[in-house]
């Protein structure tokens, strides 16, 4: 199990931030315990629902941002006074991130608990360090001006929030952010040097779904523009560096779903050694977070409701822990739990793509050189037309 640990005296901490395990205050410990209790209760708003794809265009060459991926949520019959109705059924995040929950609960029970595996040990240390110094991130995010562009917000949230919750702290920003990162410094004005870089963040299946993601870590993160900025870039539209970050997440998360599905196939191809392939993708606005997960082996799709990023002026600990669980899924995610598998409520992506399913397994790649060929760009192979053409509208018929 990913959360297995040993007492402090049995582990050589070296430079693995070992001091944080014993210096984490009792006050912060109480807040962490409260956050876990919220996440472990599906009625608190931190559960997940099971989704089935009813309509999608995964057989077409489409950018995620233009993808269609409509879903219906698994419901259970509920007897009420006016008759039987169906209500959406939620499931606890603790059953999906069991390794991560076991790790945190063991640490809360005894601060001498230190995970034995180095990766797990570092992941836990990064969360404790973030929670101990959460105020610095809150200060950086609170000073972001109202007119910040989407590219600037992407840099800020990657540097001050997401990178501090992962082991390596490295990330790749979509190259449209490069113009905003002068000398690779954070765009919030703190003058801190970025721990990531700008580059190619494309992923997908070249002949089908593909797109650049805004932040590429172990998990792709999409920062969302305001509704008026979500139209395609072109004449009369804002460029990505001028778009504004959304104050909330859109009701339709179709492009996030498409990206989530692709990312599961990508991890399956490049990391077949993983315990499971229930792989998350994160969507962020200035005020909310959502996590979607897809398992390309079991064809199961899960998604959270909108989670508040802030509680007043402070980052909400339960949402921070949820982000940490998703970002460190390699150490925290235990896969699709039996209670969800027992519903037999599949995503039906396999049915939607039918005969090209194998292409999703074999052709998915990152970076992804998609460059789709549209029908109207294909040149007929009729050979050269000799002589002058008097009527350009006349249909050319090749000689038999």
Protein backbone atom coordinates (compact mmCIF):
# COMPACT_ATOMS: atom_id res chain seq x y z
CA UNK A 1 0.00 0.00 0.00
CA UNK A 2 1.29 3.44 -0.94
CA UNK A 3 0.71 4.88 2.51
CA UNK A 4 2.62 2.25 4.49
CA UNK A 5 5.07 3.75 6.94
CA UNK A 6 7.53 3.10 9.73
CA UNK A 7 8.36 4.91 12.98
CA UNK A 8 10.74 7.86 12.69
CA UNK A 9 13.75 6.04 14.14
CA UNK A 10 13.58 3.38 11.40
CA UNK A 11 13.76 5.82 8.48
CA UNK A 12 16.80 7.74 7.26
CA UNK A 13 15.34 11.11 6.35
CA UNK A 14 18.47 12.77 4.93
CA UNK A 15 17.23 15.79 2.92
CA UNK A 16 13.60 14.64 2.64
CA UNK A 17 12.24 17.60 4.64
CA UNK A 18 12.22 15.32 7.67
CA UNK A 19 11.93 18.12 10.22
CA UNK A 20 8.42 19.08 9.09
CA UNK A 21 6.97 15.82 10.43
CA UNK A 22 7.77 16.77 14.01
CA UNK A 23 7.42 20.56 13.69
CA UNK A 24 3.89 20.51 12.25
CA UNK A 25 1.81 22.31 14.90
CA UNK A 26 -1.16 20.89 16.76
CA UNK A 27 -3.33 23.71 15.39
CA UNK A 28 -2.46 22.77 11.83
CA UNK A 29 -3.01 19.12 12.71
CA UNK A 30 -6.57 19.92 13.84
CA UNK A 31 -7.24 21.76 10.58
CA UNK A 32 -5.91 18.81 8.57
CA UNK A 33 -8.13 16.43 10.54
CA UNK A 34 -11.18 18.62 9.85
CA UNK A 35 -10.32 18.76 6.14
CA UNK A 36 -10.13 14.96 6.00
CA UNK A 37 -13.50 14.61 7.71
CA UNK A 38 -15.07 16.89 5.07
CA UNK A 39 -13.51 15.00 2.16
CA UNK A 40 -14.54 11.68 3.70
CA UNK A 41 -18.22 12.65 3.69
CA UNK A 42 -19.96 12.62 0.30
CA UNK A 43 -22.70 14.95 1.53
CA UNK A 44 -20.16 17.69 2.34
CA UNK A 45 -19.77 18.51 -1.35
CA UNK A 46 -16.48 16.63 -1.74
CA UNK A 47 -17.83 13.40 -3.16
CA UNK A 48 -17.72 12.14 -6.75
CA UNK A 49 -20.42 11.06 -9.15
CA UNK A 50 -20.24 8.36 -11.82
CA UNK A 51 -20.83 9.62 -15.35
CA UNK A 52 -21.89 7.89 -18.55
CA UNK A 53 -21.13 9.47 -21.92
CA UNK A 54 -24.32 9.87 -23.92
CA UNK A 55 -23.00 11.88 -26.88
CA UNK A 56 -19.43 12.54 -27.96
CA UNK A 57 -17.45 13.27 -31.10
CA UNK A 58 -14.33 11.26 -30.26
CA UNK A 59 -14.36 9.84 -33.79
CA UNK A 60 -13.68 13.31 -35.21
CA UNK A 61 -10.49 15.33 -35.33
CA UNK A 62 -11.32 17.90 -32.65
CA UNK A 63 -9.51 20.10 -30.18
CA UNK A 64 -10.57 19.46 -26.58
CA UNK A 65 -11.95 22.99 -26.46
CA UNK A 66 -14.35 22.13 -29.31
CA UNK A 67 -15.11 18.57 -28.20
CA UNK A 68 -18.59 17.30 -27.45
CA UNK A 69 -18.79 15.00 -24.44
CA UNK A 70 -22.24 15.04 -22.86
CA UNK A 71 -22.78 12.86 -19.79
CA UNK A 72 -25.52 11.60 -17.55
CA UNK A 73 -24.90 10.88 -13.86
CA UNK A 74 -25.59 7.57 -12.15
CA UNK A 75 -28.75 7.79 -10.03
CA UNK A 76 -30.41 5.55 -7.50
CA UNK A 77 -34.15 5.20 -6.87
CA UNK A 78 -35.36 7.16 -3.85
CA UNK A 79 -38.79 6.66 -2.31
CA UNK A 80 -40.53 9.92 -1.41
CA UNK A 81 -44.05 10.78 -0.30
CA UNK A 82 -45.06 11.71 -3.84
CA UNK A 83 -43.64 8.52 -5.35
CA UNK A 84 -40.36 7.05 -6.44
CA UNK A 85 -37.73 9.33 -7.96
CA UNK A 86 -34.12 8.95 -8.94
CA UNK A 87 -31.38 11.03 -7.30
CA UNK A 88 -27.68 11.27 -8.18
CA UNK A 89 -25.56 8.92 -6.11
CA UNK A 90 -22.33 10.25 -4.64
CA UNK A 91 -19.27 8.37 -3.44
CA UNK A 92 -16.57 9.34 -0.96
CA UNK A 93 -13.20 10.50 -2.22
CA UNK A 94 -11.60 8.44 0.55
CA UNK A 95 -12.54 5.25 -1.30
CA UNK A 96 -10.76 6.46 -4.44
CA UNK A 97 -7.68 7.93 -2.76
CA UNK A 98 -7.44 5.24 -0.09
CA UNK A 99 -3.62 5.22 -0.12
CA UNK A 100 -3.51 8.96 0.49
CA UNK A 101 -6.15 8.83 3.21
CA UNK A 102 -4.38 6.00 5.02
CA UNK A 103 -1.17 8.03 4.91
CA UNK A 104 -2.77 11.16 6.36
CA UNK A 105 -4.82 9.33 8.99
CA UNK A 106 -1.72 7.45 10.16
CA UNK A 107 0.19 10.72 10.48
CA UNK A 108 -2.65 12.39 12.38
CA UNK A 109 -2.76 9.44 14.78
CA UNK A 110 0.99 9.67 15.42
CA UNK A 111 3.35 12.39 14.25
CA UNK A 112 6.16 9.85 14.47
CA UNK A 113 4.61 8.09 11.47
CA UNK A 114 6.93 8.42 8.49
CA UNK A 115 6.12 6.70 5.18
CA UNK A 116 8.77 4.17 4.19
CA UNK A 117 8.76 4.82 0.42
CA UNK A 118 10.71 7.94 -0.50
CA UNK A 119 8.17 9.27 -3.00
CA UNK A 120 5.30 8.94 -0.52
CA UNK A 121 7.45 10.48 2.22
CA UNK A 122 8.23 13.50 0.07
CA UNK A 123 4.59 13.90 -1.01
CA UNK A 124 3.43 14.00 2.61
CA UNK A 125 6.21 16.43 3.55
CA UNK A 126 5.23 18.81 0.74
CA UNK A 127 1.61 18.91 1.93
CA UNK A 128 2.67 19.58 5.55
CA UNK A 129 5.07 22.31 4.44
CA UNK A 130 2.38 23.96 2.32
CA UNK A 131 -0.18 23.92 5.13
CA UNK A 132 2.39 25.31 7.56
CA UNK A 133 3.13 28.24 5.24
CA UNK A 134 -0.28 28.56 3.58
CA UNK A 135 -0.36 32.26 4.36
CA UNK A 136 2.33 33.09 1.80
CA UNK A 137 0.26 31.52 -0.99
CA UNK A 138 -2.90 33.25 0.23
CA UNK A 139 -1.04 36.56 0.19
CA UNK A 140 0.21 36.01 -3.36
CA UNK A 141 -3.22 34.98 -4.69
CA UNK A 142 -5.05 37.80 -2.86
CA UNK A 143 -2.82 40.44 -4.44
CA UNK A 144 -3.63 39.32 -7.98
CA UNK A 145 -5.31 42.29 -9.72
CA UNK A 146 -8.84 41.99 -11.04
CA UNK A 147 -7.72 42.62 -14.62
CA UNK A 148 -5.09 39.85 -14.63
CA UNK A 149 -4.98 37.95 -17.91
CA UNK A 150 -5.55 34.21 -18.19
CA UNK A 151 -1.89 33.64 -19.10
CA UNK A 152 -0.73 35.60 -16.05
CA UNK A 153 -3.13 33.73 -13.77
CA UNK A 154 -1.91 30.41 -15.15
CA UNK A 155 1.68 31.31 -14.22
CA UNK A 156 0.68 32.50 -10.74
CA UNK A 157 -1.41 29.45 -9.81
CA UNK A 158 1.28 27.08 -11.13
CA UNK A 159 4.06 28.79 -9.18
CA UNK A 160 2.37 29.68 -5.90
CA UNK A 161 -0.08 26.79 -5.48
CA UNK A 162 0.27 23.68 -7.62
CA UNK A 163 4.07 23.35 -7.71
CA UNK A 164 4.19 23.55 -3.91
CA UNK A 165 1.95 20.49 -3.59
CA UNK A 166 3.99 18.14 -5.79
CA UNK A 167 7.26 16.34 -5.21
CA UNK A 168 9.35 17.71 -8.04
CA UNK A 169 7.81 21.22 -8.19
CA UNK A 170 8.48 21.20 -11.95
CA UNK A 171 5.83 22.03 -14.54
CA UNK A 172 5.53 23.04 -18.18
CA UNK A 173 3.42 26.07 -19.03
CA UNK A 174 1.68 26.46 -22.36
CA UNK A 175 4.00 28.45 -24.60
CA UNK A 176 1.45 31.30 -24.89
CA UNK A 177 2.53 32.19 -21.32
CA UNK A 178 6.11 32.84 -22.43
CA UNK A 179 5.48 36.47 -23.28
CA UNK A 180 4.19 37.07 -19.75
CA UNK A 181 7.17 35.42 -18.00
CA UNK A 182 9.94 37.98 -18.34
CA UNK A 183 13.23 36.33 -17.37
CA UNK A 184 11.10 33.37 -16.16
CA UNK A 185 9.88 35.33 -13.15
CA UNK A 186 6.41 34.98 -11.60
CA UNK A 187 3.87 37.41 -13.05
CA UNK A 188 2.36 38.42 -9.70
CA UNK A 189 5.21 40.84 -8.95
CA UNK A 190 6.90 38.73 -6.26
CA UNK A 191 10.00 38.46 -8.51
CA UNK A 192 10.45 34.81 -7.62
CA UNK A 193 12.05 32.63 -10.28
CA UNK A 194 9.72 30.00 -11.73
CA UNK A 195 10.49 26.34 -11.01
CA UNK A 196 8.91 25.37 -14.34
CA UNK A 197 9.33 26.34 -17.97
CA UNK A 198 7.29 27.28 -21.03
CA UNK A 199 7.02 24.66 -23.75
CA UNK A 200 4.90 22.22 -25.71
CA UNK A 201 1.95 21.02 -23.61
CA UNK A 202 0.03 19.27 -26.38
CA UNK A 203 -1.42 15.82 -25.83
CA UNK A 204 -3.91 13.68 -27.68
CA UNK A 205 -4.53 11.22 -30.47
CA UNK A 206 -3.49 13.04 -33.68
CA UNK A 207 -6.48 11.86 -35.75
CA UNK A 208 -9.06 12.41 -33.02
CA UNK A 209 -9.05 14.40 -29.77
CA UNK A 210 -6.06 16.67 -29.08
CA UNK A 211 -5.17 20.03 -27.54
CA UNK A 212 -2.67 22.08 -25.60
CA UNK A 213 -3.23 22.05 -21.86
CA UNK A 214 -2.40 25.13 -19.79
CA UNK A 215 -0.15 23.47 -17.21
CA UNK A 216 1.42 20.05 -17.62
CA UNK A 217 2.58 18.27 -14.48
CA UNK A 218 1.99 14.62 -13.65
CA UNK A 219 -1.59 15.83 -14.06
CA UNK A 220 -2.76 18.26 -16.77
CA UNK A 221 -4.32 21.42 -15.33
CA UNK A 222 -6.65 23.66 -17.32
CA UNK A 223 -7.22 27.25 -16.22
CA UNK A 224 -10.49 28.52 -17.63
CA UNK A 225 -11.25 31.82 -19.33
CA UNK A 226 -14.35 33.90 -18.80
CA UNK A 227 -17.32 32.97 -20.97
CA UNK A 228 -16.84 35.95 -23.28
CA UNK A 229 -13.23 34.82 -23.89
CA UNK A 230 -13.95 31.20 -24.66
CA UNK A 231 -14.58 31.80 -28.36
CA UNK A 232 -11.91 30.76 -30.86
CA UNK A 233 -8.99 33.11 -31.31
CA UNK A 234 -9.13 35.06 -34.53
CA UNK A 235 -10.34 38.31 -35.98
CA UNK A 236 -12.42 40.14 -33.43
CA UNK A 237 -11.44 37.80 -30.56
CA UNK A 238 -8.98 38.14 -27.71
CA UNK A 239 -5.67 36.32 -27.81
CA UNK A 240 -4.87 33.79 -25.03
CA UNK A 241 -2.57 36.35 -23.41
CA UNK A 242 -5.46 38.84 -23.20
CA UNK A 243 -8.21 36.51 -21.96
CA UNK A 244 -9.40 36.87 -18.37
CA UNK A 245 -9.54 33.95 -15.92
CA UNK A 246 -13.05 32.78 -15.13
CA UNK A 247 -14.53 33.59 -11.73
CA UNK A 248 -16.25 30.19 -11.73
CA UNK A 249 -16.27 26.98 -13.72
CA UNK A 250 -18.69 26.51 -16.62
CA UNK A 251 -21.64 24.21 -16.11
CA UNK A 252 -20.47 22.23 -19.14
CA UNK A 253 -17.09 20.60 -18.62
CA UNK A 254 -17.00 18.80 -21.93
CA UNK A 255 -13.47 19.79 -22.92
CA UNK A 256 -12.20 18.83 -19.44
CA UNK A 257 -13.83 15.42 -19.84
CA UNK A 258 -12.18 14.91 -23.22
CA UNK A 259 -8.80 15.89 -21.81
CA UNK A 260 -9.30 13.56 -18.82
CA UNK A 261 -10.04 10.59 -21.06
CA UNK A 262 -6.99 11.26 -23.22
CA UNK A 263 -4.73 11.59 -20.17
CA UNK A 264 -5.73 8.16 -18.86
CA UNK A 265 -4.79 6.55 -22.17
CA UNK A 266 -1.53 8.52 -22.13
CA UNK A 267 -0.56 7.27 -18.66
CA UNK A 268 -1.50 3.71 -19.64
CA UNK A 269 0.84 3.91 -22.66
CA UNK A 270 3.84 5.54 -21.01
CA UNK A 271 3.49 4.23 -17.44
CA UNK A 272 2.12 0.68 -17.63
CA UNK A 273 3.71 0.00 -14.23
CA UNK A 274 1.08 2.09 -12.38
CA UNK A 275 -1.14 0.29 -9.86
CA UNK A 276 -4.25 1.53 -11.66
CA UNK A 277 -5.27 3.90 -14.43
CA UNK A 278 -7.90 6.02 -12.71
CA UNK A 279 -6.12 9.23 -13.73
CA UNK A 280 -7.24 12.74 -12.71
CA UNK A 281 -7.34 16.04 -14.56
CA UNK A 282 -7.82 19.35 -12.78
CA UNK A 283 -9.84 22.38 -13.90
CA UNK A 284 -9.34 25.70 -12.12
CA UNK A 285 -10.91 29.13 -12.16
CA UNK A 286 -10.10 32.00 -9.80
CA UNK A 287 -12.60 30.73 -7.25
CA UNK A 288 -13.30 27.04 -7.90
CA UNK A 289 -11.68 23.70 -8.61
CA UNK A 290 -13.07 20.54 -10.20
CA UNK A 291 -11.43 17.13 -10.56
CA UNK A 292 -12.37 14.62 -13.26
CA UNK A 293 -11.03 11.04 -13.38
CA UNK A 294 -11.14 8.35 -16.04
CA UNK A 295 -9.99 4.71 -15.95
CA UNK A 296 -9.19 3.52 -19.48
CA UNK A 297 -8.98 -0.13 -18.33
CA UNK A 298 -12.37 -0.29 -16.65
CA UNK A 299 -14.09 2.47 -18.70
CA UNK A 300 -15.21 4.38 -15.60
CA UNK A 301 -15.55 8.17 -15.46
CA UNK A 302 -15.85 10.10 -12.18
CA UNK A 303 -16.13 13.81 -11.48
CA UNK A 304 -16.44 16.04 -8.44
CA UNK A 305 -18.83 18.97 -8.12
CA UNK A 306 -17.38 22.48 -8.06
CA UNK A 307 -15.15 22.87 -4.99
CA UNK A 308 -14.59 26.28 -3.40
CA UNK A 309 -10.94 27.26 -3.56
CA UNK A 310 -11.35 29.90 -0.86
CA UNK A 311 -13.25 30.27 2.39
CA UNK A 312 -13.38 34.01 2.78
CA UNK A 313 -9.83 35.25 2.17
CA UNK A 314 -8.24 31.93 3.11
CA UNK A 315 -7.54 28.85 1.06
CA UNK A 316 -9.91 26.07 2.03
CA UNK A 317 -7.88 23.20 3.51
CA UNK A 318 -10.23 20.50 2.22
CA UNK A 319 -9.80 21.77 -1.35
CA UNK A 320 -6.02 22.03 -0.91
CA UNK A 321 -5.91 18.40 0.26
CA UNK A 322 -8.09 17.35 -2.69
CA UNK A 323 -5.66 19.07 -5.07
CA UNK A 324 -2.75 17.34 -3.33
CA UNK A 325 -4.44 13.93 -3.66
CA UNK A 326 -5.04 14.47 -7.38
CA UNK A 327 -1.60 15.92 -8.14
CA UNK A 328 0.08 13.01 -6.34
CA UNK A 329 -2.25 10.32 -7.70
CA UNK A 330 0.68 7.94 -8.29
CA UNK A 331 1.05 7.67 -4.52
CA UNK A 332 -2.49 8.40 -3.34
CA UNK A 333 -5.00 6.85 -5.75
CA UNK A 334 -6.16 3.30 -5.03
CA UNK A 335 -8.30 3.00 -8.18
CA UNK A 336 -12.01 2.45 -8.76
CA UNK A 337 -13.47 1.03 -5.51
CA UNK A 338 -15.62 -2.10 -5.52
CA UNK A 339 -18.80 -0.21 -4.62
CA UNK A 340 -18.49 1.77 -7.87
CA UNK A 341 -17.49 -1.25 -9.94
CA UNK A 342 -20.53 -3.10 -8.55
CA UNK A 343 -22.89 -0.52 -10.08
CA UNK A 344 -21.77 -1.70 -13.57
CA UNK A 345 -22.36 1.93 -14.66
CA UNK A 346 -19.73 2.34 -17.35
CA UNK A 347 -18.64 5.53 -19.08
CA UNK A 348 -19.38 3.84 -22.43
CA UNK A 349 -16.43 5.56 -24.10
CA UNK A 350 -15.47 2.17 -25.53
CA UNK A 351 -18.87 1.95 -27.22
CA UNK A 352 -18.69 5.53 -28.46
CA UNK A 353 -15.41 5.04 -30.33
CA UNK A 354 -16.03 1.43 -31.35
CA UNK A 355 -13.49 0.20 -33.91
CA UNK A 356 -10.97 3.01 -33.30
CA UNK A 357 -10.58 2.25 -29.59
CA UNK A 358 -7.22 0.63 -30.29
CA UNK A 359 -6.03 3.91 -31.82
CA UNK A 360 -6.63 5.64 -28.50
CA UNK A 361 -4.46 3.06 -26.76
CA UNK A 362 -1.68 2.98 -29.35
CA UNK A 363 -1.57 6.45 -30.94
CA UNK A 364 -2.01 8.72 -27.92
CA UNK A 365 1.06 10.87 -27.45
CA UNK A 366 2.52 13.97 -25.81
CA UNK A 367 3.65 16.24 -27.33
CA UNK A 368 1.02 15.70 -30.01
CA UNK A 369 1.59 16.85 -33.58
CA UNK A 370 -2.06 16.91 -34.58
CA UNK A 371 -2.29 19.21 -37.66
CA UNK A 372 -5.61 17.77 -38.84
CA UNK A 373 -6.22 17.52 -42.58
CA UNK A 374 -9.64 18.88 -43.41
CA UNK A 375 -11.45 17.55 -46.45
CA UNK A 376 -11.40 20.91 -48.20
CA UNK A 377 -7.60 21.05 -47.98
CA UNK A 378 -7.01 17.75 -49.75
CA UNK A 379 -5.69 18.24 -53.31
CA UNK A 380 -7.18 15.87 -55.92
CA UNK A 381 -4.53 13.72 -57.58
CA UNK A 382 -5.71 14.37 -61.15
CA UNK A 383 -2.37 15.58 -62.47
CA UNK A 384 -1.76 18.96 -64.09
CA UNK A 385 -4.35 20.75 -66.22
CA UNK A 386 -2.86 21.73 -69.57
CA UNK A 387 -3.80 24.88 -71.42
CA UNK A 388 -5.67 27.98 -70.41
CA UNK A 389 -8.82 27.63 -68.31
CA UNK A 390 -11.57 29.91 -69.68
CA UNK A 391 -14.17 29.17 -67.02
CA UNK A 392 -12.80 28.66 -63.50
CA UNK A 393 -16.22 27.48 -62.29
CA UNK A 394 -16.40 24.66 -64.81
CA UNK A 395 -16.03 21.25 -63.19
CA UNK A 396 -12.82 19.57 -64.20
CA UNK A 397 -13.18 15.92 -65.14
CA UNK A 398 -9.99 13.92 -65.57
CA UNK A 399 -9.57 11.96 -68.79
CA UNK A 400 -10.64 8.35 -68.62
